[in-house]
Amino acid sequence: MQTTDHLDEIQDLNLAYLLLAQRLLTEDRSAAMFRLKIDDDMADLIASLNASQLTTLSRTNQLLCHFGHEAAERLRQVVDNPRDNGLSRFHAALLMAGQGNASPLAGGEG
């Protein structure tokens, strides 16, 4: 039963991620590509998906999105940021922007 609940949550998260990605790409493509860490081909693909395709893709049992931080140390720097002078969001954005454009959908299901 718990596995089914987790699977439902993964699928809901996948659909929410895909819908958000499409909306971001529509509003500001270059900013969306930067934030989602995707390339032109992936942006084109996500933007072109219709409702049926979005639903089908979201129903996989693997997360389509993932942490943009392969190194735990970089994530630790964002979380344990001692800066409390109003620049912490800027510092976190710089740390997170340092990641490459690894596609969250590369390699099939996740």
PDB file of N, CA and C in Angstrom:
ATOM      1  N   MET A   1       0.822  -1.191   0.000  1.00  0.00           N
ATOM      2  CA  MET A   1       0.000   0.000   0.000  1.00  0.00           C
ATOM      3  C   MET A   1       0.869   1.259   0.000  1.00  0.00           C
ATOM      4  N   GLN A   2       1.931   1.247   0.816  1.00  0.00           N
ATOM      5  CA  GLN A   2       2.790   2.422   0.898  1.00  0.00           C
ATOM      6  C   GLN A   2       3.504   2.647  -0.442  1.00  0.00           C
ATOM      7  N   THR A   3       3.907   1.580  -1.123  1.00  0.00           N
ATOM      8  CA  THR A   3       4.558   1.709  -2.424  1.00  0.00           C
ATOM      9  C   THR A   3       3.618   2.365  -3.423  1.00  0.00           C
ATOM     10  N   THR A   4       2.359   2.005  -3.392  1.00  0.00           N
ATOM     11  CA  THR A   4       1.370   2.613  -4.276  1.00  0.00           C
ATOM     12  C   THR A   4       1.236   4.099  -3.990  1.00  0.00           C
ATOM     13  N   ASP A   5       1.227   4.463  -2.700  1.00  0.00           N
ATOM     14  CA  ASP A   5       1.154   5.873  -2.334  1.00  0.00           C
ATOM     15  C   ASP A   5       2.357   6.639  -2.863  1.00  0.00           C
ATOM     16  N   HIS A   6       3.544   6.046  -2.722  1.00  0.00           N
ATOM     17  CA  HIS A   6       4.756   6.700  -3.214  1.00  0.00           C
ATOM     18  C   HIS A   6       4.715   6.841  -4.733  1.00  0.00           C
ATOM     19  N   LEU A   7       4.252   5.818  -5.397  1.00  0.00           N
ATOM     20  CA  LEU A   7       4.160   5.858  -6.857  1.00  0.00           C
ATOM     21  C   LEU A   7       3.191   6.942  -7.310  1.00  0.00           C
ATOM     22  N   ASP A   8       2.068   7.059  -6.630  1.00  0.00           N
ATOM     23  CA  ASP A   8       1.110   8.123  -6.951  1.00  0.00           C
ATOM     24  C   ASP A   8       1.740   9.502  -6.750  1.00  0.00           C
ATOM     25  N   GLU A   9       2.486   9.658  -5.679  1.00  0.00           N
ATOM     26  CA  GLU A   9       3.138  10.939  -5.401  1.00  0.00           C
ATOM     27  C   GLU A   9       4.198  11.262  -6.448  1.00  0.00           C
ATOM     28  N   ILE A  10       4.958  10.264  -6.865  1.00  0.00           N
ATOM     29  CA  ILE A  10       5.961  10.463  -7.916  1.00  0.00           C
ATOM     30  C   ILE A  10       5.281  10.906  -9.206  1.00  0.00           C
ATOM     31  N   GLN A  11       4.203  10.256  -9.560  1.00  0.00           N
ATOM     32  CA  GLN A  11       3.499  10.594 -10.790  1.00  0.00           C
ATOM     33  C   GLN A  11       2.884  11.991 -10.716  1.00  0.00           C
ATOM     34  N   ASP A  12       2.349  12.364  -9.569  1.00  0.00           N
ATOM     35  CA  ASP A  12       1.813  13.722  -9.391  1.00  0.00           C
ATOM     36  C   ASP A  12       2.927  14.762  -9.503  1.00  0.00           C
ATOM     37  N   LEU A  13       4.058  14.468  -8.900  1.00  0.00           N
ATOM     38  CA  LEU A  13       5.198  15.380  -8.969  1.00  0.00           C
ATOM     39  C   LEU A  13       5.698  15.509 -10.407  1.00  0.00           C
ATOM     40  N   ASN A  14       5.744  14.398 -11.135  1.00  0.00           N
ATOM     41  CA  ASN A  14       6.169  14.439 -12.533  1.00  0.00           C
ATOM     42  C   ASN A  14       5.260  15.339 -13.368  1.00  0.00           C
ATOM     43  N   LEU A  15       3.960  15.198 -13.183  1.00  0.00           N
ATOM     44  CA  LEU A  15       3.025  16.018 -13.949  1.00  0.00           C
ATOM     45  C   LEU A  15       3.174  17.495 -13.583  1.00  0.00           C
ATOM     46  N   ALA A  16       3.294  17.777 -12.290  1.00  0.00           N
ATOM     47  CA  ALA A  16       3.473  19.166 -11.849  1.00  0.00           C
ATOM     48  C   ALA A  16       4.766  19.745 -12.430  1.00  0.00           C
ATOM     49  N   TYR A  17       5.828  18.966 -12.431  1.00  0.00           N
ATOM     50  CA  TYR A  17       7.117  19.409 -12.979  1.00  0.00           C
ATOM     51  C   TYR A  17       6.991  19.721 -14.471  1.00  0.00           C
ATOM     52  N   LEU A  18       6.370  18.826 -15.210  1.00  0.00           N
ATOM     53  CA  LEU A  18       6.231  19.024 -16.657  1.00  0.00           C
ATOM     54  C   LEU A  18       5.365  20.244 -16.976  1.00  0.00           C
ATOM     55  N   LEU A  19       4.284  20.414 -16.244  1.00  0.00           N
ATOM     56  CA  LEU A  19       3.420  21.581 -16.462  1.00  0.00           C
ATOM     57  C   LEU A  19       4.145  22.877 -16.126  1.00  0.00           C
ATOM     58  N   LEU A  20       4.894  22.875 -15.031  1.00  0.00           N
ATOM     59  CA  LEU A  20       5.678  24.053 -14.664  1.00  0.00           C
ATOM     60  C   LEU A  20       6.738  24.333 -15.720  1.00  0.00           C
ATOM     61  N   ALA A  21       7.418  23.295 -16.176  1.00  0.00           N
ATOM     62  CA  ALA A  21       8.448  23.468 -17.193  1.00  0.00           C
ATOM     63  C   ALA A  21       7.860  24.079 -18.454  1.00  0.00           C
ATOM     64  N   GLN A  22       6.715  23.596 -18.889  1.00  0.00           N
ATOM     65  CA  GLN A  22       6.068  24.166 -20.079  1.00  0.00           C
ATOM     66  C   GLN A  22       5.718  25.635 -19.868  1.00  0.00           C
ATOM     67  N   ARG A  23       5.168  25.949 -18.702  1.00  0.00           N
ATOM     68  CA  ARG A  23       4.793  27.332 -18.423  1.00  0.00           C
ATOM     69  C   ARG A  23       6.019  28.239 -18.389  1.00  0.00           C
ATOM     70  N   LEU A  24       7.077  27.803 -17.734  1.00  0.00           N
ATOM     71  CA  LEU A  24       8.306  28.594 -17.685  1.00  0.00           C
ATOM     72  C   LEU A  24       8.875  28.808 -19.084  1.00  0.00           C
ATOM     73  N   LEU A  25       8.861  27.769 -19.899  1.00  0.00           N
ATOM     74  CA  LEU A  25       9.388  27.874 -21.263  1.00  0.00           C
ATOM     75  C   LEU A  25       8.566  28.834 -22.102  1.00  0.00           C
ATOM     76  N   THR A  26       7.277  28.872 -21.881  1.00  0.00           N
ATOM     77  CA  THR A  26       6.402  29.786 -22.614  1.00  0.00           C
ATOM     78  C   THR A  26       6.654  31.231 -22.204  1.00  0.00           C
ATOM     79  N   GLU A  27       6.865  31.443 -20.916  1.00  0.00           N
ATOM     80  CA  GLU A  27       7.019  32.811 -20.395  1.00  0.00           C
ATOM     81  C   GLU A  27       8.397  33.398 -20.692  1.00  0.00           C
ATOM     82  N   ASP A  28       9.453  32.620 -20.511  1.00  0.00           N
ATOM     83  CA  ASP A  28      10.811  33.108 -20.734  1.00  0.00           C
ATOM     84  C   ASP A  28      11.719  31.908 -20.978  1.00  0.00           C
ATOM     85  N   ARG A  29      11.875  31.577 -22.237  1.00  0.00           N
ATOM     86  CA  ARG A  29      12.573  30.350 -22.624  1.00  0.00           C
ATOM     87  C   ARG A  29      14.000  30.274 -22.081  1.00  0.00           C
ATOM     88  N   SER A  30      14.778  31.321 -22.248  1.00  0.00           N
ATOM     89  CA  SER A  30      16.176  31.262 -21.823  1.00  0.00           C
ATOM     90  C   SER A  30      16.298  31.141 -20.300  1.00  0.00           C
ATOM     91  N   ALA A  31      15.478  31.878 -19.565  1.00  0.00           N
ATOM     92  CA  ALA A  31      15.498  31.761 -18.103  1.00  0.00           C
ATOM     93  C   ALA A  31      15.046  30.364 -17.677  1.00  0.00           C
ATOM     94  N   ALA A  32      14.036  29.829 -18.347  1.00  0.00           N
ATOM     95  CA  ALA A  32      13.548  28.486 -18.016  1.00  0.00           C
ATOM     96  C   ALA A  32      14.622  27.438 -18.272  1.00  0.00           C
ATOM     97  N   MET A  33      15.301  27.554 -19.397  1.00  0.00           N
ATOM     98  CA  MET A  33      16.361  26.592 -19.706  1.00  0.00           C
ATOM     99  C   MET A  33      17.454  26.643 -18.650  1.00  0.00           C
ATOM    100  N   PHE A  34      17.788  27.835 -18.200  1.00  0.00           N
ATOM    101  CA  PHE A  34      18.790  27.998 -17.162  1.00  0.00           C
ATOM    102  C   PHE A  34      18.320  27.384 -15.847  1.00  0.00           C
ATOM    103  N   ARG A  35      17.097  27.695 -15.443  1.00  0.00           N
ATOM    104  CA  ARG A  35      16.577  27.195 -14.167  1.00  0.00           C
ATOM    105  C   ARG A  35      16.349  25.692 -14.177  1.00  0.00           C
ATOM    106  N   LEU A  36      15.889  25.169 -15.299  1.00  0.00           N
ATOM    107  CA  LEU A  36      15.613  23.738 -15.405  1.00  0.00           C
ATOM    108  C   LEU A  36      16.859  22.932 -15.762  1.00  0.00           C
ATOM    109  N   LYS A  37      17.918  23.633 -16.147  1.00  0.00           N
ATOM    110  CA  LYS A  37      19.174  23.009 -16.570  1.00  0.00           C
ATOM    111  C   LYS A  37      18.939  22.041 -17.731  1.00  0.00           C
ATOM    112  N   ILE A  38      18.286  22.566 -18.771  1.00  0.00           N
ATOM    113  CA  ILE A  38      18.023  21.776 -19.965  1.00  0.00           C
ATOM    114  C   ILE A  38      18.587  22.498 -21.185  1.00  0.00           C
ATOM    115  N   ASP A  39      18.803  21.751 -22.256  1.00  0.00           N
ATOM    116  CA  ASP A  39      19.329  22.342 -23.485  1.00  0.00           C
ATOM    117  C   ASP A  39      18.180  22.661 -24.449  1.00  0.00           C
ATOM    118  N   ASP A  40      18.531  23.200 -25.614  1.00  0.00           N
ATOM    119  CA  ASP A  40      17.527  23.596 -26.612  1.00  0.00           C
ATOM    120  C   ASP A  40      16.638  22.436 -27.043  1.00  0.00           C
ATOM    121  N   ASP A  41      17.252  21.284 -27.300  1.00  0.00           N
ATOM    122  CA  ASP A  41      16.468  20.132 -27.760  1.00  0.00           C
ATOM    123  C   ASP A  41      15.438  19.696 -26.719  1.00  0.00           C
ATOM    124  N   MET A  42      15.862  19.650 -25.449  1.00  0.00           N
ATOM    125  CA  MET A  42      14.931  19.252 -24.391  1.00  0.00           C
ATOM    126  C   MET A  42      13.846  20.309 -24.219  1.00  0.00           C
ATOM    127  N   ALA A  43      14.207  21.584 -24.318  1.00  0.00           N
ATOM    128  CA  ALA A  43      13.222  22.664 -24.210  1.00  0.00           C
ATOM    129  C   ALA A  43      12.187  22.538 -25.322  1.00  0.00           C
ATOM    130  N   ASP A  44      12.642  22.289 -26.546  1.00  0.00           N
ATOM    131  CA  ASP A  44      11.716  22.104 -27.672  1.00  0.00           C
ATOM    132  C   ASP A  44      10.774  20.932 -27.415  1.00  0.00           C
ATOM    133  N   LEU A  45      11.335  19.826 -26.945  1.00  0.00           N
ATOM    134  CA  LEU A  45      10.526  18.631 -26.702  1.00  0.00           C
ATOM    135  C   LEU A  45       9.465  18.890 -25.637  1.00  0.00           C
ATOM    136  N   ILE A  46       9.882  19.428 -24.503  1.00  0.00           N
ATOM    137  CA  ILE A  46       8.937  19.673 -23.408  1.00  0.00           C
ATOM    138  C   ILE A  46       7.852  20.654 -23.849  1.00  0.00           C
ATOM    139  N   ALA A  47       8.250  21.710 -24.536  1.00  0.00           N
ATOM    140  CA  ALA A  47       7.286  22.722 -24.974  1.00  0.00           C
ATOM    141  C   ALA A  47       6.281  22.161 -25.976  1.00  0.00           C
ATOM    142  N   SER A  48       6.676  21.144 -26.730  1.00  0.00           N
ATOM    143  CA  SER A  48       5.812  20.617 -27.781  1.00  0.00           C
ATOM    144  C   SER A  48       4.850  19.526 -27.305  1.00  0.00           C
ATOM    145  N   LEU A  49       5.002  19.043 -26.080  1.00  0.00           N
ATOM    146  CA  LEU A  49       4.161  17.952 -25.599  1.00  0.00           C
ATOM    147  C   LEU A  49       2.709  18.401 -25.426  1.00  0.00           C
ATOM    148  N   ASN A  50       1.784  17.568 -25.919  1.00  0.00           N
ATOM    149  CA  ASN A  50       0.365  17.861 -25.715  1.00  0.00           C
ATOM    150  C   ASN A  50      -0.090  17.226 -24.394  1.00  0.00           C
ATOM    151  N   ALA A  51      -1.324  17.455 -24.014  1.00  0.00           N
ATOM    152  CA  ALA A  51      -1.833  16.984 -22.723  1.00  0.00           C
ATOM    153  C   ALA A  51      -1.728  15.465 -22.582  1.00  0.00           C
ATOM    154  N   SER A  52      -2.037  14.740 -23.633  1.00  0.00           N
ATOM    155  CA  SER A  52      -1.959  13.286 -23.585  1.00  0.00           C
ATOM    156  C   SER A  52      -0.519  12.816 -23.387  1.00  0.00           C
ATOM    157  N   GLN A  53       0.402  13.447 -24.087  1.00  0.00           N
ATOM    158  CA  GLN A  53       1.816  13.081 -23.958  1.00  0.00           C
ATOM    159  C   GLN A  53       2.347  13.426 -22.568  1.00  0.00           C
ATOM    160  N   LEU A  54       1.933  14.576 -22.034  1.00  0.00           N
ATOM    161  CA  LEU A  54       2.343  14.959 -20.678  1.00  0.00           C
ATOM    162  C   LEU A  54       1.867  13.923 -19.664  1.00  0.00           C
ATOM    163  N   THR A  55       0.633  13.518 -19.805  1.00  0.00           N
ATOM    164  CA  THR A  55       0.065  12.531 -18.884  1.00  0.00           C
ATOM    165  C   THR A  55       0.799  11.209 -18.991  1.00  0.00           C
ATOM    166  N   THR A  56       1.030  10.753 -20.198  1.00  0.00           N
ATOM    167  CA  THR A  56       1.747   9.495 -20.406  1.00  0.00           C
ATOM    168  C   THR A  56       3.138   9.558 -19.803  1.00  0.00           C
ATOM    169  N   LEU A  57       3.850  10.627 -20.077  1.00  0.00           N
ATOM    170  CA  LEU A  57       5.208  10.780 -19.570  1.00  0.00           C
ATOM    171  C   LEU A  57       5.221  10.880 -18.046  1.00  0.00           C
ATOM    172  N   SER A  58       4.260  11.537 -17.471  1.00  0.00           N
ATOM    173  CA  SER A  58       4.238  11.715 -16.015  1.00  0.00           C
ATOM    174  C   SER A  58       3.937  10.415 -15.287  1.00  0.00           C
ATOM    175  N   ARG A  59       3.329   9.459 -15.948  1.00  0.00           N
ATOM    176  CA  ARG A  59       2.906   8.213 -15.304  1.00  0.00           C
ATOM    177  C   ARG A  59       4.016   7.179 -15.178  1.00  0.00           C
ATOM    178  N   THR A  60       5.248   7.587 -15.380  1.00  0.00           N
ATOM    179  CA  THR A  60       6.366   6.675 -15.176  1.00  0.00           C
ATOM    180  C   THR A  60       6.589   6.472 -13.681  1.00  0.00           C
ATOM    181  N   ASN A  61       7.300   5.428 -13.309  1.00  0.00           N
ATOM    182  CA  ASN A  61       7.548   5.170 -11.892  1.00  0.00           C
ATOM    183  C   ASN A  61       8.875   5.763 -11.419  1.00  0.00           C
ATOM    184  N   GLN A  62       9.476   6.608 -12.246  1.00  0.00           N
ATOM    185  CA  GLN A  62      10.732   7.274 -11.909  1.00  0.00           C
ATOM    186  C   GLN A  62      10.529   8.784 -11.913  1.00  0.00           C
ATOM    187  N   LEU A  63      11.216   9.478 -11.026  1.00  0.00           N
ATOM    188  CA  LEU A  63      11.139  10.931 -11.025  1.00  0.00           C
ATOM    189  C   LEU A  63      11.779  11.500 -12.284  1.00  0.00           C
ATOM    190  N   LEU A  64      11.100  12.433 -12.918  1.00  0.00           N
ATOM    191  CA  LEU A  64      11.647  13.087 -14.105  1.00  0.00           C
ATOM    192  C   LEU A  64      12.540  14.256 -13.736  1.00  0.00           C
ATOM    193  N   CYS A  65      12.324  14.822 -12.573  1.00  0.00           N
ATOM    194  CA  CYS A  65      13.175  15.910 -12.105  1.00  0.00           C
ATOM    195  C   CYS A  65      14.098  15.342 -11.020  1.00  0.00           C
ATOM    196  N   HIS A  66      15.176  16.040 -10.785  1.00  0.00           N
ATOM    197  CA  HIS A  66      16.112  15.603  -9.761  1.00  0.00           C
ATOM    198  C   HIS A  66      16.860  16.803  -9.222  1.00  0.00           C
ATOM    199  N   PHE A  67      17.592  16.593  -8.138  1.00  0.00           N
ATOM    200  CA  PHE A  67      18.418  17.671  -7.608  1.00  0.00           C
ATOM    201  C   PHE A  67      19.426  18.072  -8.659  1.00  0.00           C
ATOM    202  N   GLY A  68      19.619  19.357  -8.811  1.00  0.00           N
ATOM    203  CA  GLY A  68      20.600  19.860  -9.764  1.00  0.00           C
ATOM    204  C   GLY A  68      21.999  19.857  -9.191  1.00  0.00           C
ATOM    205  N   HIS A  69      22.177  19.160  -8.096  1.00  0.00           N
ATOM    206  CA  HIS A  69      23.481  19.136  -7.433  1.00  0.00           C
ATOM    207  C   HIS A  69      23.964  17.699  -7.337  1.00  0.00           C
ATOM    208  N   GLU A  70      24.944  17.361  -8.146  1.00  0.00           N
ATOM    209  CA  GLU A  70      25.505  16.024  -8.061  1.00  0.00           C
ATOM    210  C   GLU A  70      26.394  15.909  -6.830  1.00  0.00           C
ATOM    211  N   ALA A  71      27.008  17.004  -6.438  1.00  0.00           N
ATOM    212  CA  ALA A  71      27.899  16.985  -5.288  1.00  0.00           C
ATOM    213  C   ALA A  71      27.141  17.425  -4.042  1.00  0.00           C
ATOM    214  N   ALA A  72      27.164  16.578  -3.029  1.00  0.00           N
ATOM    215  CA  ALA A  72      26.480  16.915  -1.782  1.00  0.00           C
ATOM    216  C   ALA A  72      27.099  18.155  -1.153  1.00  0.00           C
ATOM    217  N   GLU A  73      28.382  18.365  -1.374  1.00  0.00           N
ATOM    218  CA  GLU A  73      29.051  19.529  -0.780  1.00  0.00           C
ATOM    219  C   GLU A  73      28.451  20.838  -1.294  1.00  0.00           C
ATOM    220  N   ARG A  74      28.129  20.905  -2.570  1.00  0.00           N
ATOM    221  CA  ARG A  74      27.535  22.122  -3.114  1.00  0.00           C
ATOM    222  C   ARG A  74      26.167  22.381  -2.483  1.00  0.00           C
ATOM    223  N   LEU A  75      25.381  21.342  -2.321  1.00  0.00           N
ATOM    224  CA  LEU A  75      24.078  21.482  -1.679  1.00  0.00           C
ATOM    225  C   LEU A  75      24.240  21.903  -0.220  1.00  0.00           C
ATOM    226  N   ARG A  76      25.252  21.347   0.451  1.00  0.00           N
ATOM    227  CA  ARG A  76      25.544  21.731   1.829  1.00  0.00           C
ATOM    228  C   ARG A  76      25.873  23.221   1.921  1.00  0.00           C
ATOM    229  N   GLN A  77      26.588  23.739   0.941  1.00  0.00           N
ATOM    230  CA  GLN A  77      26.947  25.159   0.942  1.00  0.00           C
ATOM    231  C   GLN A  77      25.703  26.027   0.846  1.00  0.00           C
ATOM    232  N   VAL A  78      24.717  25.580   0.096  1.00  0.00           N
ATOM    233  CA  VAL A  78      23.469  26.338  -0.023  1.00  0.00           C
ATOM    234  C   VAL A  78      22.686  26.273   1.289  1.00  0.00           C
ATOM    235  N   VAL A  79      22.599  25.089   1.873  1.00  0.00           N
ATOM    236  CA  VAL A  79      21.809  24.888   3.084  1.00  0.00           C
ATOM    237  C   VAL A  79      22.464  25.524   4.309  1.00  0.00           C
ATOM    238  N   ASP A  80      23.773  25.381   4.423  1.00  0.00           N
ATOM    239  CA  ASP A  80      24.496  25.867   5.604  1.00  0.00           C
ATOM    240  C   ASP A  80      25.116  27.240   5.378  1.00  0.00           C
ATOM    241  N   ASN A  81      24.526  28.028   4.518  1.00  0.00           N
ATOM    242  CA  ASN A  81      25.058  29.345   4.193  1.00  0.00           C
ATOM    243  C   ASN A  81      24.995  30.255   5.418  1.00  0.00           C
ATOM    244  N   PRO A  82      26.150  30.707   5.924  1.00  0.00           N
ATOM    245  CA  PRO A  82      26.150  31.552   7.116  1.00  0.00           C
ATOM    246  C   PRO A  82      25.768  33.004   6.825  1.00  0.00           C
ATOM    247  N   ARG A  83      25.643  33.361   5.566  1.00  0.00           N
ATOM    248  CA  ARG A  83      25.336  34.747   5.211  1.00  0.00           C
ATOM    249  C   ARG A  83      23.895  35.068   5.619  1.00  0.00           C
ATOM    250  N   ASP A  84      23.769  36.106   6.375  1.00  0.00           N
ATOM    251  CA  ASP A  84      22.435  36.483   6.833  1.00  0.00           C
ATOM    252  C   ASP A  84      22.220  37.976   6.632  1.00  0.00           C
ATOM    253  N   ASN A  85      22.889  38.527   5.617  1.00  0.00           N
ATOM    254  CA  ASN A  85      22.828  39.966   5.390  1.00  0.00           C
ATOM    255  C   ASN A  85      22.024  40.323   4.144  1.00  0.00           C
ATOM    256  N   GLY A  86      21.098  39.469   3.784  1.00  0.00           N
ATOM    257  CA  GLY A  86      20.264  39.755   2.626  1.00  0.00           C
ATOM    258  C   GLY A  86      20.826  39.227   1.326  1.00  0.00           C
ATOM    259  N   LEU A  87      22.035  38.709   1.346  1.00  0.00           N
ATOM    260  CA  LEU A  87      22.645  38.191   0.122  1.00  0.00           C
ATOM    261  C   LEU A  87      22.557  36.672   0.031  1.00  0.00           C
ATOM    262  N   SER A  88      21.920  36.025   0.988  1.00  0.00           N
ATOM    263  CA  SER A  88      21.900  34.569   1.011  1.00  0.00           C
ATOM    264  C   SER A  88      21.198  33.980  -0.210  1.00  0.00           C
ATOM    265  N   ARG A  89      20.109  34.598  -0.670  1.00  0.00           N
ATOM    266  CA  ARG A  89      19.421  34.094  -1.871  1.00  0.00           C
ATOM    267  C   ARG A  89      20.309  34.228  -3.091  1.00  0.00           C
ATOM    268  N   PHE A  90      20.997  35.356  -3.190  1.00  0.00           N
ATOM    269  CA  PHE A  90      21.906  35.588  -4.311  1.00  0.00           C
ATOM    270  C   PHE A  90      23.045  34.576  -4.285  1.00  0.00           C
ATOM    271  N   HIS A  91      23.618  34.350  -3.104  1.00  0.00           N
ATOM    272  CA  HIS A  91      24.704  33.386  -2.963  1.00  0.00           C
ATOM    273  C   HIS A  91      24.234  31.982  -3.338  1.00  0.00           C
ATOM    274  N   ALA A  92      23.056  31.601  -2.862  1.00  0.00           N
ATOM    275  CA  ALA A  92      22.511  30.280  -3.189  1.00  0.00           C
ATOM    276  C   ALA A  92      22.284  30.150  -4.692  1.00  0.00           C
ATOM    277  N   ALA A  93      21.777  31.199  -5.327  1.00  0.00           N
ATOM    278  CA  ALA A  93      21.549  31.172  -6.772  1.00  0.00           C
ATOM    279  C   ALA A  93      22.859  30.994  -7.522  1.00  0.00           C
ATOM    280  N   LEU A  94      23.896  31.663  -7.084  1.00  0.00           N
ATOM    281  CA  LEU A  94      25.209  31.514  -7.723  1.00  0.00           C
ATOM    282  C   LEU A  94      25.740  30.100  -7.575  1.00  0.00           C
ATOM    283  N   LEU A  95      25.604  29.533  -6.384  1.00  0.00           N
ATOM    284  CA  LEU A  95      26.071  28.166  -6.172  1.00  0.00           C
ATOM    285  C   LEU A  95      25.313  27.179  -7.050  1.00  0.00           C
ATOM    286  N   MET A  96      23.999  27.356  -7.128  1.00  0.00           N
ATOM    287  CA  MET A  96      23.186  26.429  -7.912  1.00  0.00           C
ATOM    288  C   MET A  96      23.394  26.620  -9.409  1.00  0.00           C
ATOM    289  N   ALA A  97      23.694  27.831  -9.829  1.00  0.00           N
ATOM    290  CA  ALA A  97      23.901  28.108 -11.243  1.00  0.00           C
ATOM    291  C   ALA A  97      25.196  27.499 -11.744  1.00  0.00           C
ATOM    292  N   GLY A  98      26.079  27.145 -10.841  1.00  0.00           N
ATOM    293  CA  GLY A  98      27.364  26.568 -11.224  1.00  0.00           C
ATOM    294  C   GLY A  98      27.280  25.172 -11.783  1.00  0.00           C
ATOM    295  N   GLN A  99      26.111  24.564 -11.726  1.00  0.00           N
ATOM    296  CA  GLN A  99      25.935  23.211 -12.252  1.00  0.00           C
ATOM    297  C   GLN A  99      25.823  23.238 -13.766  1.00  0.00           C
ATOM    298  N   GLY A 100      26.227  22.148 -14.401  1.00  0.00           N
ATOM    299  CA  GLY A 100      26.109  22.027 -15.852  1.00  0.00           C
ATOM    300  C   GLY A 100      24.681  21.841 -16.291  1.00  0.00           C
ATOM    301  N   ASN A 101      24.468  21.793 -17.581  1.00  0.00           N
ATOM    302  CA  ASN A 101      23.128  21.625 -18.145  1.00  0.00           C
ATOM    303  C   ASN A 101      22.771  20.156 -18.285  1.00  0.00           C
ATOM    304  N   ALA A 102      22.810  19.430 -17.198  1.00  0.00           N
ATOM    305  CA  ALA A 102      22.412  18.025 -17.222  1.00  0.00           C
ATOM    306  C   ALA A 102      20.899  17.964 -17.339  1.00  0.00           C
ATOM    307  N   SER A 103      20.409  17.284 -18.322  1.00  0.00           N
ATOM    308  CA  SER A 103      18.982  17.236 -18.565  1.00  0.00           C
ATOM    309  C   SER A 103      18.293  16.299 -17.590  1.00  0.00           C
ATOM    310  N   PRO A 104      17.204  16.748 -16.951  1.00  0.00           N
ATOM    311  CA  PRO A 104      16.485  15.894 -16.018  1.00  0.00           C
ATOM    312  C   PRO A 104      15.753  14.751 -16.705  1.00  0.00           C
ATOM    313  N   LEU A 105      15.550  14.836 -18.003  1.00  0.00           N
ATOM    314  CA  LEU A 105      14.847  13.771 -18.708  1.00  0.00           C
ATOM    315  C   LEU A 105      15.792  12.938 -19.557  1.00  0.00           C
ATOM    316  N   ALA A 106      17.072  13.212 -19.498  1.00  0.00           N
ATOM    317  CA  ALA A 106      18.027  12.473 -20.311  1.00  0.00           C
ATOM    318  C   ALA A 106      18.051  11.014 -19.889  1.00  0.00           C
ATOM    319  N   GLY A 107      18.249  10.168 -20.834  1.00  0.00           N
ATOM    320  CA  GLY A 107      18.363   8.756 -20.537  1.00  0.00           C
ATOM    321  C   GLY A 107      17.027   8.072 -20.357  1.00  0.00           C
ATOM    322  N   GLY A 108      15.996   8.578 -20.950  1.00  0.00           N
ATOM    323  CA  GLY A 108      14.709   7.873 -20.918  1.00  0.00           C
ATOM    324  C   GLY A 108      13.843   8.315 -19.766  1.00  0.00           C
ATOM    325  N   GLU A 109      13.675   7.435 -18.759  1.00  0.00           N
ATOM    326  CA  GLU A 109      12.678   7.671 -17.714  1.00  0.00           C
ATOM    327  C   GLU A 109      13.171   8.527 -16.561  1.00  0.00           C
ATOM    328  N   GLY A 110      14.334   8.959 -16.501  1.00  0.00           N
ATOM    329  CA  GLY A 110      14.638   9.774 -15.365  1.00  0.00           C
ATOM    330  C   GLY A 110      16.011   9.893 -15.048  1.00  0.00           C
TER     331      GLY A 110
END
